[in-house]
Amino acid sequence: MQKKTNEHLIWLNDHLDFVKEDMGYETQEEFDQLYKTLCPINMVDIISLEKSINDEIYEIEKYCKENKTPITASHIIESLKFGPFGQFQEALEGRRDNHKKGIDVIEETNRWRDNVS
């Protein structure tokens, strides 16, 4: 179980590095500044994620007991990745995109006002 967890953590670090590089960020500071600005996370988000994870683990346990199958680390990781973590990522990306659209509208309105004046 510990080996699977370590492998997953290594994969997550590699995946994060790939995403940052793919997005064109040169430094961690540049990534943090833009990402945190566009995608704020608050305590409600963290509590909701924790609740979703606990609910998913309960469902995994229930399913495995009903089907008399062992619970494996890979089963849990995959279930969490496509369940609570996937939904959390989608919610944050949606928030980021909506925030970005709002900034774009404000900038466009300001340009329009500057040209009219």
N, C-alpha and C. Protein backbone atom coordinates (compact mmCIF):
# COMPACT_ATOMS: atom_id res chain seq x y z
N MET A 1 0.84 -1.20 0.00
CA MET A 1 0.00 0.00 0.00
C MET A 1 0.88 1.26 0.00
N GLN A 2 1.93 1.27 0.84
CA GLN A 2 2.82 2.43 0.91
C GLN A 2 3.53 2.64 -0.43
N LYS A 3 3.92 1.53 -1.08
CA LYS A 3 4.59 1.64 -2.37
C LYS A 3 3.68 2.28 -3.40
N LYS A 4 2.41 1.86 -3.44
CA LYS A 4 1.44 2.44 -4.37
C LYS A 4 1.24 3.92 -4.08
N THR A 5 1.17 4.28 -2.81
CA THR A 5 1.00 5.68 -2.44
C THR A 5 2.18 6.50 -2.90
N ASN A 6 3.40 5.99 -2.68
CA ASN A 6 4.60 6.71 -3.11
C ASN A 6 4.64 6.86 -4.63
N GLU A 7 4.28 5.80 -5.34
CA GLU A 7 4.25 5.86 -6.80
C GLU A 7 3.25 6.91 -7.27
N HIS A 8 2.11 6.96 -6.59
CA HIS A 8 1.09 7.95 -6.97
C HIS A 8 1.57 9.37 -6.69
N LEU A 9 2.25 9.58 -5.56
CA LEU A 9 2.78 10.91 -5.26
C LEU A 9 3.82 11.34 -6.29
N ILE A 10 4.65 10.41 -6.70
CA ILE A 10 5.64 10.72 -7.74
C ILE A 10 4.92 11.09 -9.04
N TRP A 11 3.88 10.32 -9.38
CA TRP A 11 3.11 10.61 -10.58
C TRP A 11 2.46 11.99 -10.49
N LEU A 12 1.90 12.32 -9.33
CA LEU A 12 1.27 13.63 -9.16
C LEU A 12 2.29 14.76 -9.34
N ASN A 13 3.47 14.61 -8.74
CA ASN A 13 4.51 15.64 -8.90
C ASN A 13 4.91 15.79 -10.35
N ASP A 14 5.10 14.67 -11.04
CA ASP A 14 5.47 14.72 -12.46
C ASP A 14 4.35 15.36 -13.29
N HIS A 15 3.11 15.00 -12.97
CA HIS A 15 1.96 15.55 -13.70
C HIS A 15 1.86 17.06 -13.48
N LEU A 16 2.06 17.52 -12.24
CA LEU A 16 2.02 18.94 -11.95
C LEU A 16 3.12 19.68 -12.69
N ASP A 17 4.32 19.12 -12.71
CA ASP A 17 5.42 19.74 -13.44
C ASP A 17 5.09 19.84 -14.93
N PHE A 18 4.52 18.76 -15.49
CA PHE A 18 4.15 18.76 -16.90
C PHE A 18 3.11 19.85 -17.19
N VAL A 19 2.10 19.95 -16.35
CA VAL A 19 1.04 20.95 -16.56
C VAL A 19 1.64 22.35 -16.52
N LYS A 20 2.49 22.61 -15.53
CA LYS A 20 3.11 23.94 -15.42
C LYS A 20 3.94 24.26 -16.65
N GLU A 21 4.75 23.30 -17.11
CA GLU A 21 5.57 23.52 -18.29
C GLU A 21 4.71 23.68 -19.53
N ASP A 22 3.67 22.87 -19.66
CA ASP A 22 2.78 22.92 -20.81
C ASP A 22 2.04 24.25 -20.88
N MET A 23 1.76 24.84 -19.73
CA MET A 23 1.07 26.12 -19.68
C MET A 23 2.03 27.29 -19.94
N GLY A 24 3.32 27.01 -20.00
CA GLY A 24 4.30 28.03 -20.34
C GLY A 24 4.89 28.78 -19.17
N TYR A 25 4.71 28.28 -17.96
CA TYR A 25 5.27 28.96 -16.80
C TYR A 25 6.75 28.60 -16.66
N GLU A 26 7.57 29.62 -16.49
CA GLU A 26 9.01 29.41 -16.36
C GLU A 26 9.41 29.07 -14.93
N THR A 27 8.74 29.70 -13.96
CA THR A 27 9.13 29.51 -12.55
C THR A 27 7.91 29.13 -11.72
N GLN A 28 8.17 28.57 -10.56
CA GLN A 28 7.09 28.23 -9.62
C GLN A 28 6.38 29.49 -9.15
N GLU A 29 7.13 30.58 -8.95
CA GLU A 29 6.53 31.83 -8.48
C GLU A 29 5.54 32.39 -9.50
N GLU A 30 5.91 32.33 -10.78
CA GLU A 30 5.02 32.82 -11.84
C GLU A 30 3.75 31.98 -11.88
N PHE A 31 3.90 30.67 -11.77
CA PHE A 31 2.74 29.77 -11.75
C PHE A 31 1.84 30.07 -10.55
N ASP A 32 2.44 30.18 -9.36
CA ASP A 32 1.67 30.44 -8.15
C ASP A 32 0.91 31.76 -8.24
N GLN A 33 1.58 32.80 -8.74
CA GLN A 33 0.94 34.11 -8.81
C GLN A 33 -0.29 34.08 -9.72
N LEU A 34 -0.14 33.53 -10.89
CA LEU A 34 -1.27 33.51 -11.82
C LEU A 34 -2.33 32.49 -11.44
N TYR A 35 -1.91 31.32 -11.00
CA TYR A 35 -2.88 30.27 -10.67
C TYR A 35 -3.71 30.66 -9.45
N LYS A 36 -3.06 31.13 -8.42
CA LYS A 36 -3.79 31.48 -7.20
C LYS A 36 -4.72 32.66 -7.42
N THR A 37 -4.33 33.57 -8.31
CA THR A 37 -5.17 34.72 -8.61
C THR A 37 -6.42 34.31 -9.37
N LEU A 38 -6.25 33.38 -10.31
CA LEU A 38 -7.36 33.00 -11.16
C LEU A 38 -8.23 31.91 -10.57
N CYS A 39 -7.74 31.23 -9.56
CA CYS A 39 -8.46 30.08 -9.04
C CYS A 39 -8.39 30.04 -7.52
N PRO A 40 -9.03 30.98 -6.84
CA PRO A 40 -8.94 30.98 -5.38
C PRO A 40 -9.66 29.78 -4.77
N ILE A 41 -9.09 29.26 -3.72
CA ILE A 41 -9.69 28.14 -2.99
C ILE A 41 -9.94 28.61 -1.56
N ASN A 42 -11.13 28.35 -1.05
CA ASN A 42 -11.43 28.76 0.32
C ASN A 42 -11.68 27.53 1.19
N MET A 43 -11.95 27.76 2.45
CA MET A 43 -12.13 26.68 3.40
C MET A 43 -13.34 25.81 3.05
N VAL A 44 -14.38 26.39 2.50
CA VAL A 44 -15.55 25.62 2.10
C VAL A 44 -15.16 24.61 1.02
N ASP A 45 -14.29 25.02 0.10
CA ASP A 45 -13.82 24.11 -0.95
C ASP A 45 -13.11 22.91 -0.33
N ILE A 46 -12.24 23.17 0.62
CA ILE A 46 -11.46 22.11 1.26
C ILE A 46 -12.38 21.17 2.03
N ILE A 47 -13.32 21.72 2.78
CA ILE A 47 -14.25 20.89 3.55
C ILE A 47 -15.13 20.06 2.61
N SER A 48 -15.58 20.68 1.52
CA SER A 48 -16.40 19.94 0.54
C SER A 48 -15.60 18.81 -0.09
N LEU A 49 -14.34 19.07 -0.40
CA LEU A 49 -13.49 18.03 -0.98
C LEU A 49 -13.30 16.89 0.01
N GLU A 50 -13.03 17.23 1.26
CA GLU A 50 -12.86 16.20 2.28
C GLU A 50 -14.13 15.36 2.44
N LYS A 51 -15.29 16.03 2.44
CA LYS A 51 -16.56 15.31 2.55
C LYS A 51 -16.75 14.38 1.35
N SER A 52 -16.46 14.87 0.17
CA SER A 52 -16.58 14.06 -1.04
C SER A 52 -15.67 12.84 -1.00
N ILE A 53 -14.46 13.04 -0.51
CA ILE A 53 -13.50 11.92 -0.39
C ILE A 53 -14.02 10.89 0.59
N ASN A 54 -14.50 11.34 1.74
CA ASN A 54 -15.04 10.41 2.73
C ASN A 54 -16.25 9.66 2.19
N ASP A 55 -17.13 10.36 1.48
CA ASP A 55 -18.29 9.70 0.87
C ASP A 55 -17.85 8.65 -0.14
N GLU A 56 -16.86 8.98 -0.96
CA GLU A 56 -16.38 8.05 -1.97
C GLU A 56 -15.75 6.82 -1.33
N ILE A 57 -14.96 7.02 -0.29
CA ILE A 57 -14.33 5.89 0.40
C ILE A 57 -15.41 4.99 1.03
N TYR A 58 -16.44 5.59 1.60
CA TYR A 58 -17.55 4.81 2.15
C TYR A 58 -18.20 3.98 1.05
N GLU A 59 -18.44 4.57 -0.12
CA GLU A 59 -19.06 3.85 -1.23
C GLU A 59 -18.16 2.72 -1.73
N ILE A 60 -16.87 2.95 -1.77
CA ILE A 60 -15.93 1.90 -2.19
C ILE A 60 -16.00 0.73 -1.21
N GLU A 61 -15.95 1.06 0.08
CA GLU A 61 -16.01 0.02 1.10
C GLU A 61 -17.32 -0.76 1.01
N LYS A 62 -18.42 -0.05 0.85
CA LYS A 62 -19.74 -0.69 0.73
C LYS A 62 -19.78 -1.61 -0.49
N TYR A 63 -19.30 -1.12 -1.62
CA TYR A 63 -19.30 -1.91 -2.85
C TYR A 63 -18.46 -3.18 -2.69
N CYS A 64 -17.27 -3.03 -2.10
CA CYS A 64 -16.39 -4.18 -1.93
C CYS A 64 -16.97 -5.21 -0.96
N LYS A 65 -17.63 -4.75 0.09
CA LYS A 65 -18.26 -5.68 1.03
C LYS A 65 -19.41 -6.42 0.36
N GLU A 66 -20.24 -5.70 -0.38
CA GLU A 66 -21.38 -6.32 -1.05
C GLU A 66 -20.93 -7.35 -2.08
N ASN A 67 -19.82 -7.08 -2.76
CA ASN A 67 -19.34 -7.97 -3.81
C ASN A 67 -18.24 -8.92 -3.33
N LYS A 68 -17.96 -8.84 -2.02
CA LYS A 68 -16.95 -9.70 -1.40
C LYS A 68 -15.63 -9.68 -2.18
N THR A 69 -15.18 -8.45 -2.49
CA THR A 69 -13.90 -8.26 -3.16
C THR A 69 -12.98 -7.45 -2.26
N PRO A 70 -11.68 -7.66 -2.37
CA PRO A 70 -10.76 -6.88 -1.54
C PRO A 70 -10.65 -5.43 -2.03
N ILE A 71 -10.37 -4.56 -1.11
CA ILE A 71 -10.15 -3.15 -1.44
C ILE A 71 -8.67 -3.00 -1.75
N THR A 72 -8.36 -2.45 -2.93
CA THR A 72 -6.96 -2.26 -3.30
C THR A 72 -6.63 -0.78 -3.38
N ALA A 73 -5.35 -0.46 -3.24
CA ALA A 73 -4.92 0.94 -3.33
C ALA A 73 -5.23 1.51 -4.70
N SER A 74 -5.00 0.72 -5.75
CA SER A 74 -5.26 1.23 -7.10
C SER A 74 -6.76 1.50 -7.30
N HIS A 75 -7.62 0.67 -6.71
CA HIS A 75 -9.06 0.89 -6.79
C HIS A 75 -9.42 2.23 -6.14
N ILE A 76 -8.89 2.47 -4.97
CA ILE A 76 -9.18 3.71 -4.25
C ILE A 76 -8.65 4.92 -5.02
N ILE A 77 -7.41 4.83 -5.49
CA ILE A 77 -6.79 5.94 -6.21
C ILE A 77 -7.60 6.28 -7.46
N GLU A 78 -7.93 5.28 -8.25
CA GLU A 78 -8.69 5.52 -9.48
C GLU A 78 -10.07 6.08 -9.17
N SER A 79 -10.72 5.54 -8.18
CA SER A 79 -12.05 6.00 -7.82
C SER A 79 -12.03 7.46 -7.36
N LEU A 80 -11.03 7.82 -6.55
CA LEU A 80 -10.93 9.20 -6.07
C LEU A 80 -10.53 10.15 -7.21
N LYS A 81 -9.65 9.67 -8.09
CA LYS A 81 -9.17 10.51 -9.19
C LYS A 81 -10.32 10.89 -10.12
N PHE A 82 -11.17 9.93 -10.44
CA PHE A 82 -12.26 10.21 -11.37
C PHE A 82 -13.52 10.71 -10.66
N GLY A 83 -13.59 10.55 -9.36
CA GLY A 83 -14.75 11.01 -8.60
C GLY A 83 -14.50 12.38 -8.00
N PRO A 84 -14.24 12.43 -6.69
CA PRO A 84 -14.11 13.72 -6.00
C PRO A 84 -13.02 14.63 -6.55
N PHE A 85 -11.84 14.08 -6.87
CA PHE A 85 -10.76 14.94 -7.35
C PHE A 85 -11.06 15.48 -8.74
N GLY A 86 -11.66 14.65 -9.59
CA GLY A 86 -12.03 15.12 -10.92
C GLY A 86 -13.07 16.22 -10.86
N GLN A 87 -14.07 16.03 -10.00
CA GLN A 87 -15.11 17.04 -9.85
C GLN A 87 -14.54 18.33 -9.25
N PHE A 88 -13.63 18.19 -8.30
CA PHE A 88 -13.00 19.35 -7.68
C PHE A 88 -12.21 20.13 -8.72
N GLN A 89 -11.45 19.41 -9.55
CA GLN A 89 -10.66 20.06 -10.59
C GLN A 89 -11.57 20.78 -11.58
N GLU A 90 -12.65 20.13 -11.99
CA GLU A 90 -13.59 20.76 -12.92
C GLU A 90 -14.20 22.03 -12.32
N ALA A 91 -14.55 21.97 -11.04
CA ALA A 91 -15.14 23.14 -10.39
C ALA A 91 -14.15 24.29 -10.34
N LEU A 92 -12.90 23.99 -10.02
CA LEU A 92 -11.89 25.04 -9.97
C LEU A 92 -11.60 25.62 -11.35
N GLU A 93 -11.55 24.75 -12.36
CA GLU A 93 -11.33 25.23 -13.72
C GLU A 93 -12.49 26.10 -14.17
N GLY A 94 -13.72 25.70 -13.83
CA GLY A 94 -14.88 26.52 -14.17
C GLY A 94 -14.84 27.87 -13.48
N ARG A 95 -14.45 27.86 -12.21
CA ARG A 95 -14.34 29.12 -11.46
C ARG A 95 -13.27 30.00 -12.09
N ARG A 96 -12.14 29.39 -12.43
CA ARG A 96 -11.04 30.14 -13.05
C ARG A 96 -11.51 30.75 -14.37
N ASP A 97 -12.19 29.95 -15.19
CA ASP A 97 -12.65 30.44 -16.49
C ASP A 97 -13.68 31.55 -16.34
N ASN A 98 -14.60 31.39 -15.40
CA ASN A 98 -15.60 32.44 -15.16
C ASN A 98 -14.94 33.71 -14.65
N HIS A 99 -13.94 33.56 -13.79
CA HIS A 99 -13.21 34.72 -13.26
C HIS A 99 -12.49 35.42 -14.40
N LYS A 100 -11.86 34.63 -15.27
CA LYS A 100 -11.13 35.19 -16.41
C LYS A 100 -12.09 35.91 -17.35
N LYS A 101 -13.28 35.35 -17.60
CA LYS A 101 -14.27 36.00 -18.45
C LYS A 101 -14.68 37.34 -17.85
N GLY A 102 -14.85 37.37 -16.53
CA GLY A 102 -15.21 38.62 -15.86
C GLY A 102 -14.14 39.68 -16.02
N ILE A 103 -12.88 39.28 -15.91
CA ILE A 103 -11.77 40.21 -16.08
C ILE A 103 -11.75 40.72 -17.52
N ASP A 104 -11.96 39.81 -18.49
CA ASP A 104 -11.98 40.20 -19.90
C ASP A 104 -13.08 41.20 -20.19
N VAL A 105 -14.27 40.99 -19.61
CA VAL A 105 -15.39 41.91 -19.81
C VAL A 105 -15.07 43.28 -19.23
N ILE A 106 -14.48 43.31 -18.05
CA ILE A 106 -14.11 44.59 -17.42
C ILE A 106 -13.09 45.32 -18.27
N GLU A 107 -12.07 44.60 -18.76
CA GLU A 107 -11.04 45.22 -19.59
C GLU A 107 -11.64 45.75 -20.89
N GLU A 108 -12.55 44.98 -21.51
CA GLU A 108 -13.19 45.42 -22.75
C GLU A 108 -14.05 46.65 -22.50
N THR A 109 -14.78 46.66 -21.39
CA THR A 109 -15.60 47.82 -21.04
C THR A 109 -14.73 49.05 -20.82
N ASN A 110 -13.61 48.87 -20.12
CA ASN A 110 -12.70 49.99 -19.89
C ASN A 110 -12.12 50.52 -21.20
N ARG A 111 -11.75 49.62 -22.13
CA ARG A 111 -11.23 50.06 -23.43
C ARG A 111 -12.30 50.84 -24.18
N TRP A 112 -13.55 50.35 -24.14
CA TRP A 112 -14.65 51.02 -24.81
C TRP A 112 -14.85 52.42 -24.24
N ARG A 113 -14.81 52.54 -22.91
CA ARG A 113 -14.99 53.84 -22.26
C ARG A 113 -13.85 54.79 -22.63
N ASP A 114 -12.62 54.27 -22.70
CA ASP A 114 -11.47 55.09 -23.05
C ASP A 114 -11.59 55.59 -24.49
N ASN A 115 -12.12 54.77 -25.39
CA ASN A 115 -12.26 55.17 -26.79
C ASN A 115 -13.40 56.15 -26.98
N VAL A 116 -14.45 56.04 -26.16
CA VAL A 116 -15.61 56.94 -26.26
C VAL A 116 -15.27 58.32 -25.69
N SER A 117 -14.45 58.35 -24.66
CA SER A 117 -14.15 59.62 -23.98
C SER A 117 -13.37 60.56 -24.84
